[in-house]
Amino acid sequence: MASQPFKLGIFLNELQLPLDEGLEEASKLGVDFVWFTGLPGMPAVADLSDAEADDIQRRIEAAGLEHMKVSAGSPFKFLDLTEVTVDTLEDHEEFKADFRAMVRSMELANRFGVGAVSVYSFAWPGEYTADKPTWPMRWMTRGGIISDVEMDKLVKAYTLMVEQAEKHDVDLVLSMMPWNYTNTTANFRLVAERIGSDRIKAMWGAADNFNCGENDVSTRGFVNIKPYVFGMHVKDLRVNDGLNLDFDYLPFGEGEVDYPTVFRNVRDNGLDPYVSISTHWTPENGDRVEAMRTQVRNVRSLLDTLDD
């Protein structure tokens, strides 16, 4: 493992443990980095006082770990852009609340000496409703088509975010989810090129890209995302019926995502990403800690055999 250019960490939320118990487990797993959007018994990250935040950072460092990126919840994950226009975006209450949380995460990142904060990329129309009306269209088009009207809103939103990122000297790391506009490498690149800022980075979610119909994510997808990779959001899945959003999360290495090619391309092209290991599945006994142990073990096994 020492020869592999990957900085292993875990997404603590997956353990569903209080901070100190999660940090203890991360230390046992032998990873070096952690991040979270919120944990049991902890105030919302955006609501932390400086003293509370400093105490959390002290506990992370005392466990021999480092903070991968700072995330004040999941800003801009749920806002439906059909609710706003370019001109009304800044006055929308949900946008303003998420923006304040993001700025607070930047302040905390500066306080901790962390160089990146986590944001999301807004919901496709109707996405967080029961029927997900735009999903079939998005599957058939390998991720969906971002209209000019929607793109203008995205550019306006991220231009405002980049201004704050420049002010606080941090990068904006966009999560890639099937339910948000940067759901595929192709869409991420479209958005990033329109924004035109070196501050825009990706937490590359190859499994999420694959789940959106981008079945060449390990090859063509890598070319799209290569200039932007901050880290890799690692989990695995099997698509049963893409058109009807029928899929199963599986232990890493047992799904359909071509992770050997993903990791080889990252390594061979000289990238040095964080690897944020998630689970999204649980064993039959429901033990989420055991699920994470399996994931970390399987990721290490793949990295150790990349040249076989």
Foldseek 3Di string as FASTA:
>chain_A
DVPALEQEEAELVLQQDPLLVSLLLRLVLVGAEYEYQDHPPDPQLLPDDPVRLVVSLVSNVVSNHYYAAYERHAAQAEAACVVDFLVCQCVDPSNVVSLSSQLSSLVSCLVNVHAAHEYEAHFYPPLPPDQRVCQLVQLVVLGDDQDPRNLSNRLSSVLVVVVSCVVSRHAYEYEAASGHQNVALVSLLVSCVSNVDLSYAYQAEQQSSVLRNPVCCLPVVCVSRVSHHAAYEDFAKEDDDSSRSDIGTDAPPPHDRPVLSNSCVCRVVPHNHYYHYHFSDAPPVRNSSVSSSRNSVVVVVSSVVSPD
